[in-house]
Amino acid sequence: MKKAIYITLIATVLASCGGSGSKSIEKVLASKNVEAIRAKRNDLNTELKTLEDQVKQLDDAIAELDNSAKLPLVSVLTVQPQEFQHFLELQGDVKTDQNVLVYPEMSGTLYRIYVEKGQKVAKGQLLASIDDGGLSSQLAQMRTQAELSKTTFERQKRLWEQNIGSEIQYLQAKTNYEAQTSAVKQLESQVGRSSIRAPFSGIIDDVIKDQGTVVSPGPGSEVFRIVNLSDMYIDVEVPEAHLPTVSPGKMVNAYFPVLGETVTTKVRQTSNFINPSNRSFKAEIPVPNNNGHIKPNLTAKVKINDYTNEKAILIPQSVVSENAEGEQFIYVIADENGSMVAKKVVIQPGTTQGDYLEVLEGLSAGSKVIVEGARSIREGQAVQILDSTLTSKN
């Protein structure tokens, strides 16, 4: 551009000098006199500077008289109330209360295993049995004795009701019957411990002990691992600052990076205890597991909807500036006698989500916020609107 101006100016100088100027230069060059050439060059430079000053004066006059030439171009967003949802982003682990190791309740040889790894079982189903060491035979004998004591007691009771026999005979028969019944129940309980049953419905995840192994209660004698994947939940630690906003019923989007799946659910419950070590409380978020892909201890990224405003005023964060007093402000369009003028507006910001900021005070529906060009304008400056659209956070 500068080069073009110089060419124009030189052409003007030459034109003003006419043909004589060109001949004068040729004559100076032909003289081969260095001093004369330098003197001519200095004269032309002086004329060129004079022309540049004149061009600048003309440009200043044009800028002053032609208002449209100096108006900065801006684009605006017309803000309208819309739903705004803020999400608290946290990380948690998938858990289930129905993921347990099944231990034997008595010592003995693992007599028989009735299930296989991966098999679905129902609550109370027999999984394995332990050699009871003859307790079953003792139980059979005791039941026979209990039946005899029952018969004796019933007969003695009928005689006593007919005032036949002594009271002590009746009481002895009653006591003997009750003692035998209690002994049978106690032995039945002991024999029942020889049967290992499913504590809940689920899947046999692992058969840990082989048939014929000697087992006993306590660590190291796990026989099965049983898992139920239908009642899974995400355990999340929430900072205590969000205690008022994270509560049961809040909507949650849970994303599983390994699976690439997202599920929508709600907070089921929150704990009533603040962990003093990290100042957080736990939230329990159930997750449906229809296809069975979600496993215990799987990592999940959760977004908890802790705030919703159905009629929020939203603006892009990029248009917000801050003054020396720490106030945040934006520029809006005001119509003054038909001219579009930039006006500074101090706002009260709310929460943010993504690239958008909620404005609590300072803006109303229909306000035209300057977006493009907001950084290069000043208060009260006339502007020219290049583009105007409705605000949207999508």
Protein backbone atom coordinates (compact mmCIF):
# COMPACT_ATOMS: atom_id res chain seq x y z
CA MET A 1 0.00 0.00 0.00
CA LYS A 2 2.80 2.36 0.96
CA LYS A 3 4.62 1.55 -2.25
CA ALA A 4 1.52 2.38 -4.27
CA ILE A 5 1.26 5.77 -2.51
CA TYR A 6 4.86 6.53 -3.35
CA ILE A 7 4.33 5.64 -7.01
CA THR A 8 1.24 7.86 -7.10
CA LEU A 9 3.10 10.72 -5.49
CA ILE A 10 6.07 10.43 -7.85
CA ALA A 11 3.70 10.33 -10.79
CA THR A 12 2.01 13.46 -9.44
CA VAL A 13 5.37 15.19 -9.04
CA LEU A 14 6.35 14.27 -12.56
CA ALA A 15 2.98 15.35 -13.88
CA SER A 16 3.25 18.67 -12.08
CA CYS A 17 6.67 19.20 -13.52
CA GLY A 18 5.50 18.25 -16.99
CA GLY A 19 7.87 17.06 -19.66
CA SER A 20 10.47 19.60 -18.58
CA GLY A 21 10.88 17.77 -15.28
CA SER A 22 11.67 14.52 -17.03
CA LYS A 23 14.10 16.31 -19.34
CA SER A 24 15.68 18.08 -16.37
CA ILE A 25 16.35 14.74 -14.67
CA GLU A 26 17.75 13.31 -17.87
CA LYS A 27 20.00 16.37 -18.24
CA VAL A 28 21.27 16.02 -14.66
CA LEU A 29 21.94 12.33 -15.16
CA ALA A 30 23.70 13.00 -18.44
CA SER A 31 25.98 15.53 -16.75
CA LYS A 32 27.59 12.78 -14.71
CA ASN A 33 27.93 15.36 -11.91
CA VAL A 34 27.43 13.64 -8.57
CA GLU A 35 26.75 16.85 -6.70
CA ALA A 36 24.11 17.91 -9.20
CA ILE A 37 22.42 14.47 -9.03
CA ARG A 38 22.35 14.61 -5.22
CA ALA A 39 20.92 18.10 -5.26
CA LYS A 40 18.17 17.03 -7.66
CA ARG A 41 17.37 13.99 -5.48
CA ASN A 42 17.03 16.21 -2.39
CA ASP A 43 14.67 18.53 -4.24
CA LEU A 44 12.43 15.61 -5.23
CA ASN A 45 12.41 14.22 -1.66
CA THR A 46 11.29 17.58 -0.35
CA GLU A 47 8.45 17.70 -2.88
CA LEU A 48 7.47 14.11 -1.96
CA LYS A 49 7.25 14.93 1.75
CA THR A 50 5.09 17.92 0.99
CA LEU A 51 2.69 15.74 -1.00
CA GLU A 52 2.55 13.14 1.79
CA ASP A 53 1.55 15.81 4.29
CA GLN A 54 -1.15 17.01 1.93
CA VAL A 55 -2.52 13.47 1.47
CA LYS A 56 -2.67 13.05 5.26
CA GLN A 57 -4.63 16.26 5.62
CA LEU A 58 -7.08 15.04 2.99
CA ASP A 59 -7.50 11.67 4.79
CA ASP A 60 -8.16 13.40 8.12
CA ALA A 61 -10.78 15.61 6.50
CA ILE A 62 -12.50 12.58 4.91
CA ALA A 63 -12.53 10.71 8.25
CA GLU A 64 -14.05 13.71 9.99
CA LEU A 65 -16.75 14.37 7.42
CA ASP A 66 -17.67 10.75 6.52
CA ASN A 67 -18.96 9.04 9.73
CA SER A 68 -19.59 5.68 8.03
CA ALA A 69 -15.93 5.34 7.19
CA LYS A 70 -14.76 5.12 10.80
CA LEU A 71 -17.55 3.01 12.44
CA PRO A 72 -16.16 -0.25 13.84
CA LEU A 73 -17.94 -3.39 12.71
CA VAL A 74 -19.47 -5.57 15.43
CA SER A 75 -21.70 -8.63 15.69
CA VAL A 76 -24.35 -8.92 18.39
CA LEU A 77 -26.37 -11.58 20.19
CA THR A 78 -29.94 -10.87 21.22
CA VAL A 79 -30.32 -12.67 24.56
CA GLN A 80 -33.51 -14.55 25.37
CA PRO A 81 -34.45 -16.53 28.52
CA GLN A 82 -33.69 -20.21 28.19
CA GLU A 83 -33.17 -23.26 30.37
CA PHE A 84 -29.76 -23.44 32.00
CA GLN A 85 -28.43 -26.52 33.75
CA HIS A 86 -25.20 -26.58 35.70
CA PHE A 87 -23.44 -29.90 36.24
CA LEU A 88 -20.95 -30.82 38.92
CA GLU A 89 -18.33 -33.11 37.36
CA LEU A 90 -16.87 -35.84 39.59
CA GLN A 91 -15.37 -39.29 39.34
CA GLY A 92 -16.54 -42.43 41.10
CA ASP A 93 -16.33 -46.22 41.14
CA VAL A 94 -19.03 -48.76 40.42
CA LYS A 95 -19.98 -50.91 43.38
CA THR A 96 -22.55 -53.44 44.43
CA ASP A 97 -23.56 -54.66 47.87
CA GLN A 98 -24.20 -58.07 46.34
CA ASN A 99 -20.62 -59.03 45.56
CA VAL A 100 -19.54 -61.38 48.33
CA LEU A 101 -17.32 -64.31 49.14
CA VAL A 102 -19.25 -67.29 50.53
CA TYR A 103 -17.58 -69.04 53.51
CA PRO A 104 -18.45 -72.37 55.15
CA GLU A 105 -20.10 -72.26 58.58
CA MET A 106 -18.57 -75.49 59.87
CA SER A 107 -15.36 -77.48 59.53
CA GLY A 108 -15.25 -80.58 57.40
CA THR A 109 -14.60 -82.03 53.98
CA LEU A 110 -16.28 -80.33 51.02
CA TYR A 111 -18.44 -83.31 50.17
CA ARG A 112 -20.06 -82.06 46.96
CA ILE A 113 -20.32 -78.92 44.77
CA TYR A 114 -23.62 -78.51 42.94
CA VAL A 115 -22.95 -75.42 40.78
CA GLU A 116 -20.44 -74.27 38.17
CA LYS A 117 -18.66 -71.00 37.48
CA GLY A 118 -20.90 -68.59 35.56
CA GLN A 119 -24.12 -70.33 36.61
CA LYS A 120 -27.12 -68.26 37.68
CA VAL A 121 -28.46 -69.18 41.10
CA ALA A 122 -31.47 -68.16 43.17
CA LYS A 123 -31.49 -66.98 46.75
CA GLY A 124 -31.35 -69.97 49.12
CA GLN A 125 -30.25 -72.42 46.41
CA LEU A 126 -27.92 -75.21 47.58
CA LEU A 127 -24.40 -74.58 46.31
CA ALA A 128 -22.36 -77.19 48.14
CA SER A 129 -22.47 -79.57 51.10
CA ILE A 130 -19.92 -80.42 53.77
CA ASP A 131 -19.48 -83.82 55.44
CA ASP A 132 -21.26 -83.33 58.77
CA GLY A 133 -19.37 -86.12 60.53
CA GLY A 134 -22.46 -88.20 61.44
CA LEU A 135 -24.63 -85.34 62.69
CA SER A 136 -27.39 -86.33 60.26
CA SER A 137 -27.60 -89.79 61.83
CA GLN A 138 -27.72 -88.28 65.31
CA LEU A 139 -30.48 -85.96 64.14
CA ALA A 140 -32.54 -88.90 62.84
CA GLN A 141 -32.23 -90.70 66.18
CA MET A 142 -33.09 -87.56 68.10
CA ARG A 143 -36.16 -86.97 65.97
CA THR A 144 -37.34 -90.50 66.78
CA GLN A 145 -36.86 -89.83 70.47
CA ALA A 146 -38.69 -86.53 70.10
CA GLU A 147 -41.66 -88.30 68.48
CA LEU A 148 -41.76 -90.76 71.39
CA SER A 149 -41.63 -87.95 73.96
CA LYS A 150 -44.41 -86.19 72.07
CA THR A 151 -46.64 -89.28 72.14
CA THR A 152 -45.95 -89.82 75.83
CA PHE A 153 -46.74 -86.20 76.64
CA GLU A 154 -50.01 -86.21 74.66
CA ARG A 155 -51.22 -89.37 76.43
CA GLN A 156 -50.22 -88.09 79.85
CA LYS A 157 -51.98 -84.83 79.07
CA ARG A 158 -55.26 -86.63 78.23
CA LEU A 159 -55.04 -88.64 81.46
CA TRP A 160 -54.35 -85.51 83.47
CA GLU A 161 -57.36 -83.80 81.91
CA GLN A 162 -59.42 -86.80 83.11
CA ASN A 163 -57.92 -86.46 86.62
CA ILE A 164 -56.00 -89.72 86.14
CA GLY A 165 -52.39 -89.92 87.27
CA SER A 166 -50.29 -87.50 89.24
CA GLU A 167 -49.35 -83.94 88.33
CA ILE A 168 -45.66 -84.75 88.55
CA GLN A 169 -46.01 -87.39 85.82
CA TYR A 170 -47.70 -84.84 83.57
CA LEU A 171 -45.02 -82.23 84.19
CA GLN A 172 -42.20 -84.71 83.62
CA ALA A 173 -43.70 -85.77 80.28
CA LYS A 174 -44.14 -82.13 79.24
CA THR A 175 -40.60 -81.19 80.23
CA ASN A 176 -39.11 -84.20 78.44
CA TYR A 177 -41.03 -83.38 75.26
CA GLU A 178 -39.98 -79.71 75.27
CA ALA A 179 -36.33 -80.67 75.92
CA GLN A 180 -36.34 -83.19 73.06
CA THR A 181 -37.94 -80.65 70.71
CA SER A 182 -35.34 -78.01 71.63
CA ALA A 183 -32.50 -80.52 71.15
CA VAL A 184 -33.81 -81.44 67.69
CA LYS A 185 -33.94 -77.79 66.63
CA GLN A 186 -30.44 -77.19 67.90
CA LEU A 187 -29.04 -80.20 66.04
CA GLU A 188 -30.97 -79.25 62.90
CA SER A 189 -29.25 -75.87 63.03
CA GLN A 190 -25.86 -77.56 63.27
CA VAL A 191 -26.63 -79.91 60.40
CA GLY A 192 -27.91 -76.97 58.35
CA ARG A 193 -24.47 -75.39 58.58
CA SER A 194 -23.13 -78.25 56.49
CA SER A 195 -25.10 -76.88 53.52
CA ILE A 196 -23.72 -73.83 51.73
CA ARG A 197 -26.56 -71.82 50.18
CA ALA A 198 -26.76 -68.68 48.03
CA PRO A 199 -27.29 -65.58 50.19
CA PHE A 200 -29.00 -63.82 47.25
CA SER A 201 -29.82 -64.35 43.60
CA GLY A 202 -26.89 -63.80 41.27
CA ILE A 203 -24.11 -65.43 39.26
CA ILE A 204 -21.37 -67.73 40.53
CA ASP A 205 -18.37 -65.60 39.60
CA ASP A 206 -15.80 -68.08 40.90
CA VAL A 207 -15.62 -71.56 42.44
CA ILE A 208 -12.62 -71.19 44.72
CA LYS A 209 -12.40 -74.58 46.46
CA ASP A 210 -12.44 -78.00 44.85
CA GLN A 211 -14.59 -80.91 45.88
CA GLY A 212 -12.88 -82.95 48.61
CA THR A 213 -11.04 -79.98 50.13
CA VAL A 214 -11.10 -79.67 53.92
CA VAL A 215 -12.64 -76.31 54.82
CA SER A 216 -13.38 -74.39 58.01
CA PRO A 217 -14.93 -71.03 58.92
CA GLY A 218 -12.73 -67.95 58.59
CA PRO A 219 -10.39 -66.24 56.10
CA GLY A 220 -8.73 -68.48 53.56
CA SER A 221 -11.65 -70.89 53.28
CA GLU A 222 -13.74 -69.01 50.71
CA VAL A 223 -15.69 -71.48 48.60
CA PHE A 224 -17.55 -69.24 46.13
CA ARG A 225 -17.75 -65.67 44.93
CA ILE A 226 -21.30 -64.72 44.02
CA VAL A 227 -22.19 -61.45 42.26
CA ASN A 228 -25.48 -59.82 41.39
CA LEU A 229 -25.00 -57.23 38.58
CA SER A 230 -28.61 -56.05 38.58
CA ASP A 231 -28.24 -53.74 41.58
CA MET A 232 -25.18 -51.65 40.73
CA TYR A 233 -24.42 -48.13 41.91
CA ILE A 234 -21.68 -45.50 41.61
CA ASP A 235 -20.05 -44.36 44.83
CA VAL A 236 -18.98 -40.70 44.54
CA GLU A 237 -17.27 -38.42 47.05
CA VAL A 238 -18.79 -34.92 46.83
CA PRO A 239 -17.05 -31.84 48.34
CA GLU A 240 -18.94 -30.52 51.36
CA ALA A 241 -19.46 -27.14 49.63
CA HIS A 242 -22.09 -28.84 47.46
CA LEU A 243 -24.06 -30.27 50.38
CA PRO A 244 -27.05 -27.92 49.81
CA THR A 245 -27.28 -28.64 46.06
CA VAL A 246 -26.53 -32.38 45.77
CA SER A 247 -29.46 -34.30 47.19
CA PRO A 248 -31.51 -37.43 46.41
CA GLY A 249 -33.45 -37.10 43.16
CA LYS A 250 -30.92 -34.91 41.32
CA MET A 251 -30.39 -35.91 37.68
CA VAL A 252 -27.05 -37.52 36.80
CA ASN A 253 -25.29 -38.34 33.53
CA ALA A 254 -22.82 -41.18 34.10
CA TYR A 255 -20.16 -41.89 31.47
CA PHE A 256 -18.02 -45.02 31.44
CA PRO A 257 -14.81 -44.28 29.46
CA VAL A 258 -13.83 -47.93 29.05
CA LEU A 259 -17.22 -48.88 27.61
CA GLY A 260 -17.92 -45.60 25.82
CA GLU A 261 -21.44 -45.67 27.26
CA THR A 262 -23.49 -42.98 28.99
CA VAL A 263 -26.54 -43.61 31.18
CA THR A 264 -28.98 -41.15 32.71
CA THR A 265 -30.00 -41.77 36.30
CA LYS A 266 -30.62 -39.96 39.61
CA VAL A 267 -28.95 -39.65 42.99
CA ARG A 268 -30.42 -42.35 45.23
CA GLN A 269 -29.07 -41.22 48.57
CA THR A 270 -26.41 -39.08 50.23
CA SER A 271 -24.55 -39.88 53.41
CA ASN A 272 -25.10 -37.99 56.67
CA PHE A 273 -21.40 -38.00 57.50
CA ILE A 274 -18.67 -35.57 56.40
CA ASN A 275 -15.29 -37.25 56.02
CA PRO A 276 -12.91 -35.08 58.09
CA SER A 277 -9.85 -36.14 56.07
CA ASN A 278 -11.04 -34.71 52.74
CA ARG A 279 -14.17 -32.71 53.76
CA SER A 280 -16.51 -34.65 51.51
CA PHE A 281 -19.66 -36.75 51.75
CA LYS A 282 -20.71 -39.77 49.72
CA ALA A 283 -23.46 -39.93 47.14
CA GLU A 284 -24.92 -43.19 45.88
CA ILE A 285 -26.05 -43.23 42.24
CA PRO A 286 -27.80 -46.37 40.91
CA VAL A 287 -26.99 -47.41 37.35
CA PRO A 288 -29.08 -49.73 35.16
CA ASN A 289 -27.13 -52.67 33.81
CA ASN A 290 -29.46 -54.17 31.24
CA ASN A 291 -26.71 -55.58 29.01
CA GLY A 292 -24.44 -56.68 31.86
CA HIS A 293 -21.44 -54.67 30.62
CA ILE A 294 -21.03 -52.64 33.81
CA LYS A 295 -18.82 -54.40 36.36
CA PRO A 296 -17.87 -53.69 39.98
CA ASN A 297 -14.92 -51.27 40.43
CA LEU A 298 -15.41 -49.80 36.94
CA THR A 299 -14.48 -46.11 36.80
CA ALA A 300 -17.26 -43.65 35.92
CA LYS A 301 -17.31 -39.92 35.23
CA VAL A 302 -20.51 -38.42 36.57
CA LYS A 303 -22.17 -35.07 35.97
CA ILE A 304 -24.63 -34.18 38.72
CA ASN A 305 -27.22 -31.52 37.90
CA ASP A 306 -26.80 -29.35 41.00
CA TYR A 307 -28.49 -26.20 39.63
CA THR A 308 -31.24 -25.46 37.09
CA ASN A 309 -32.76 -22.16 35.96
CA GLU A 310 -35.56 -22.46 33.44
CA LYS A 311 -35.42 -18.75 32.46
CA ALA A 312 -31.74 -17.89 32.54
CA ILE A 313 -29.97 -15.12 30.63
CA LEU A 314 -26.84 -16.57 29.07
CA ILE A 315 -23.90 -14.91 27.31
CA PRO A 316 -20.54 -16.24 26.05
CA GLN A 317 -17.81 -15.94 28.66
CA SER A 318 -15.45 -14.50 26.03
CA VAL A 319 -17.31 -11.16 25.90
CA VAL A 320 -16.97 -10.42 29.62
CA SER A 321 -14.28 -7.96 30.79
CA GLU A 322 -13.23 -6.78 34.25
CA ASN A 323 -12.44 -3.24 35.40
CA ALA A 324 -10.01 -2.00 38.05
CA GLU A 325 -12.65 -2.32 40.77
CA GLY A 326 -13.11 -6.00 40.02
CA GLU A 327 -16.52 -5.48 38.40
CA GLN A 328 -17.37 -7.55 35.36
CA PHE A 329 -18.92 -5.74 32.41
CA ILE A 330 -19.99 -6.17 28.80
CA TYR A 331 -21.01 -3.87 25.95
CA VAL A 332 -24.54 -3.73 24.61
CA ILE A 333 -26.12 -1.88 21.69
CA ALA A 334 -28.22 1.21 22.42
CA ASP A 335 -30.22 3.17 19.83
CA GLU A 336 -29.53 6.91 20.15
CA ASN A 337 -31.39 8.99 17.57
CA GLY A 338 -31.07 6.28 14.97
CA SER A 339 -27.40 5.59 15.65
CA MET A 340 -26.16 2.30 17.12
CA VAL A 341 -23.99 3.15 20.15
CA ALA A 342 -21.97 0.86 22.45
CA LYS A 343 -22.93 1.08 26.12
CA LYS A 344 -20.99 -0.47 29.01
CA VAL A 345 -23.13 -2.56 31.37
CA VAL A 346 -21.89 -3.93 34.70
CA ILE A 347 -23.30 -7.43 35.31
CA GLN A 348 -23.59 -9.81 38.22
CA PRO A 349 -22.33 -13.18 37.01
CA GLY A 350 -23.78 -16.49 38.13
CA THR A 351 -22.58 -20.00 37.41
CA THR A 352 -20.87 -21.12 34.23
CA GLN A 353 -21.27 -24.21 32.09
CA GLY A 354 -19.00 -24.80 29.13
CA ASP A 355 -18.46 -21.53 27.24
CA TYR A 356 -21.52 -19.79 28.67
CA LEU A 357 -22.10 -17.62 31.73
CA GLU A 358 -25.39 -17.04 33.53
CA VAL A 359 -26.13 -13.33 34.15
CA LEU A 360 -28.10 -12.71 37.34
CA GLU A 361 -28.34 -8.91 37.08
CA GLY A 362 -27.60 -6.29 34.45
CA LEU A 363 -29.28 -7.80 31.40
CA SER A 364 -32.85 -8.49 30.40
CA ALA A 365 -34.57 -10.35 27.59
CA GLY A 366 -34.01 -8.66 24.25
CA SER A 367 -30.69 -7.00 25.16
CA LYS A 368 -28.23 -6.91 22.27
CA VAL A 369 -24.80 -7.95 23.51
CA ILE A 370 -21.76 -7.09 21.41
CA VAL A 371 -19.74 -10.25 20.75
CA GLU A 372 -17.30 -9.78 17.88
CA GLY A 373 -15.46 -6.49 18.24
CA ALA A 374 -16.22 -6.02 21.95
CA ARG A 375 -12.53 -5.73 22.84
CA SER A 376 -11.83 -2.84 20.46
CA ILE A 377 -14.67 -0.43 21.25
CA ARG A 378 -15.23 2.14 23.99
CA GLU A 379 -18.17 3.57 25.93
CA GLY A 380 -20.51 5.70 23.81
CA GLN A 381 -18.82 4.84 20.52
CA ALA A 382 -21.02 4.54 17.45
CA VAL A 383 -20.77 1.13 15.78
CA GLN A 384 -22.02 -0.63 12.71
CA ILE A 385 -23.74 -4.01 13.19
CA LEU A 386 -22.37 -6.61 10.84
CA ASP A 387 -24.29 -9.66 12.11
CA SER A 388 -27.10 -10.22 14.61
CA THR A 389 -28.28 -13.57 15.98
CA LEU A 390 -30.25 -14.98 18.91
CA THR A 391 -28.22 -16.30 21.78
CA SER A 392 -27.90 -20.07 22.09
CA LYS A 393 -25.76 -22.38 24.20
CA ASN A 394 -26.16 -25.32 21.85
